Amino acid sequence: MARHAAPCTSRRSALLKAGLTVTAAGAALVGAGAGAQAAAPVPLPVDSLTQTDAGAAGAGALSGVGHALGPLTRLQLDPLANTGVDPLDNGIGTQVADFKPLGTNLVTDHVTKGGAVADLPVVGPLSQGLLP
């Protein structure tokens, strides 16, 4: 057993030395890179940083929101629309005397016929106003 103990110890010490060498080389590279970065300061345009145009910032934010929400306003709201198993495709109506019949389908048809947010009577124009 003494024969096998010596090669393992020498292998371990060689691996330890190699690991320490790689670690030292990496630390030297990181230190050299940090020194090179610290040596060259970048001048900042101070005048442009102190002046803020609130109107341009607000317009940019609204434009970003419009681009982000634009595709969502055109998605079909009811995935089962125009199918025979749509649980939302129901309504109730009534007629009083000679007046025109009134029912809930006036409100729900936009959704149950495959409409999107942009197709809704009140919300649609508002959502289109958000788009650029």
Protein backbone atom coordinates (compact mmCIF):
# COMPACT_ATOMS: atom_id res chain seq x y z
CA MET A 1 0.00 0.00 0.00
CA ALA A 2 2.88 2.32 0.46
CA ARG A 3 3.62 2.11 -3.26
CA HIS A 4 0.27 3.56 -4.24
CA ALA A 5 0.25 6.37 -1.67
CA ALA A 6 3.23 8.18 -3.13
CA PRO A 7 1.90 8.65 -6.73
CA CYS A 8 -1.43 10.01 -5.40
CA THR A 9 0.34 12.56 -3.25
CA SER A 10 2.56 13.74 -6.08
CA ARG A 11 -0.51 13.94 -8.40
CA ARG A 12 -2.40 15.98 -5.84
CA SER A 13 0.48 18.37 -5.31
CA ALA A 14 0.87 18.81 -9.09
CA LEU A 15 -2.85 19.56 -9.48
CA LEU A 16 -2.71 21.98 -6.55
CA LYS A 17 0.25 23.81 -8.07
CA ALA A 18 -1.49 24.02 -11.46
CA GLY A 19 -4.68 25.33 -9.86
CA LEU A 20 -2.80 27.98 -7.91
CA THR A 21 -0.94 29.04 -11.06
CA VAL A 22 -4.19 29.44 -13.02
CA THR A 23 -5.78 31.36 -10.15
CA ALA A 24 -2.83 33.73 -9.89
CA ALA A 25 -2.82 34.30 -13.66
CA GLY A 26 -6.54 35.08 -13.61
CA ALA A 27 -6.13 37.51 -10.73
CA ALA A 28 -3.33 39.25 -12.58
CA LEU A 29 -5.49 39.62 -15.69
CA VAL A 30 -8.44 41.00 -13.72
CA GLY A 31 -6.19 43.45 -11.90
CA ALA A 32 -4.61 44.62 -15.16
CA GLY A 33 -8.05 45.10 -16.75
CA ALA A 34 -9.34 47.09 -13.79
CA GLY A 35 -6.24 49.27 -13.84
CA ALA A 36 -6.65 49.95 -17.55
CA GLN A 37 -10.29 50.93 -17.05
CA ALA A 38 -9.49 53.26 -14.18
CA ALA A 39 -6.69 54.93 -16.13
CA ALA A 40 -8.92 56.38 -18.89
CA PRO A 41 -11.80 58.46 -17.48
CA VAL A 42 -14.60 59.22 -19.90
CA PRO A 43 -15.74 62.86 -19.96
CA LEU A 44 -19.51 63.23 -19.50
CA PRO A 45 -21.57 65.93 -21.19
CA VAL A 46 -22.71 67.63 -17.98
CA ASP A 47 -24.93 70.19 -19.71
CA SER A 48 -27.11 67.60 -21.37
CA LEU A 49 -27.48 65.63 -18.11
CA THR A 50 -28.78 68.57 -16.09
CA GLN A 51 -31.46 69.65 -18.58
CA THR A 52 -34.56 67.45 -18.78
CA ASP A 53 -37.32 67.88 -21.32
CA ALA A 54 -40.41 66.58 -19.52
CA GLY A 55 -42.57 66.78 -22.65
CA ALA A 56 -40.19 64.61 -24.66
CA ALA A 57 -39.86 62.16 -21.78
CA GLY A 58 -43.65 61.83 -21.49
CA ALA A 59 -44.08 61.41 -25.24
CA GLY A 60 -41.41 58.74 -25.28
CA ALA A 61 -43.05 56.87 -22.41
CA LEU A 62 -46.48 56.96 -24.06
CA SER A 63 -45.00 55.85 -27.36
CA GLY A 64 -43.35 52.89 -25.64
CA VAL A 65 -46.61 51.93 -23.92
CA GLY A 66 -48.47 52.19 -27.22
CA HIS A 67 -46.02 49.93 -29.00
CA ALA A 68 -46.09 47.42 -26.15
CA LEU A 69 -49.89 47.29 -25.83
CA GLY A 70 -50.74 47.66 -29.52
CA PRO A 71 -50.64 43.94 -30.36
CA LEU A 72 -52.62 43.10 -27.24
CA THR A 73 -55.55 45.28 -28.37
CA ARG A 74 -55.93 43.16 -31.50
CA LEU A 75 -56.06 39.75 -29.78
CA GLN A 76 -59.35 37.87 -29.76
CA LEU A 77 -60.89 38.18 -26.30
CA ASP A 78 -62.98 35.00 -26.29
CA PRO A 79 -61.05 31.93 -27.44
CA LEU A 80 -64.31 29.99 -27.92
CA ALA A 81 -65.97 32.69 -30.01
CA ASN A 82 -67.97 31.50 -33.05
CA THR A 83 -68.05 27.93 -31.76
CA GLY A 84 -71.02 25.90 -30.61
CA VAL A 85 -69.63 25.51 -27.11
CA ASP A 86 -69.11 29.17 -26.20
CA PRO A 87 -70.58 29.69 -22.72
CA LEU A 88 -70.55 33.47 -23.17
CA ASP A 89 -72.81 33.31 -26.24
CA ASN A 90 -76.08 33.82 -24.41
CA GLY A 91 -78.35 36.75 -23.89
CA ILE A 92 -81.67 37.90 -22.66
CA GLY A 93 -84.05 40.37 -24.23
CA THR A 94 -87.33 42.06 -23.63
CA GLN A 95 -89.84 44.26 -25.40
CA VAL A 96 -92.24 46.61 -23.70
CA ALA A 97 -95.36 47.64 -25.65
CA ASP A 98 -94.46 49.11 -29.03
CA PHE A 99 -90.87 50.01 -28.11
CA LYS A 100 -87.87 48.55 -29.89
CA PRO A 101 -86.70 45.22 -28.34
CA LEU A 102 -83.78 45.54 -25.97
CA GLY A 103 -81.36 42.76 -25.06
CA THR A 104 -77.95 42.02 -23.64
CA ASN A 105 -76.63 40.83 -27.01
CA LEU A 106 -76.02 44.46 -27.91
CA VAL A 107 -73.22 44.45 -25.34
CA THR A 108 -71.95 40.87 -25.54
CA ASP A 109 -71.93 40.34 -29.34
CA HIS A 110 -68.61 42.15 -29.74
CA VAL A 111 -66.91 39.59 -27.54
CA THR A 112 -68.81 36.44 -28.58
CA LYS A 113 -68.35 37.08 -32.31
CA GLY A 114 -64.54 37.08 -32.05
CA GLY A 115 -63.89 40.73 -31.32
CA ALA A 116 -60.80 42.23 -29.78
CA VAL A 117 -60.33 45.12 -27.36
CA ALA A 118 -59.96 47.47 -30.34
CA ASP A 119 -63.45 46.40 -31.55
CA LEU A 120 -65.28 47.21 -28.31
CA PRO A 121 -67.58 50.27 -28.45
CA VAL A 122 -66.14 52.32 -25.56
CA VAL A 123 -62.73 50.85 -24.86
CA GLY A 124 -61.77 50.40 -28.52
CA PRO A 125 -61.40 54.09 -29.39
CA LEU A 126 -59.54 54.68 -26.13
CA SER A 127 -57.09 51.89 -26.87
CA GLN A 128 -56.57 53.22 -30.39
CA GLY A 129 -55.71 56.59 -28.88
CA LEU A 130 -52.78 54.98 -27.04
CA LEU A 131 -51.25 53.70 -30.25
CA PRO A 132 -48.76 55.97 -32.03
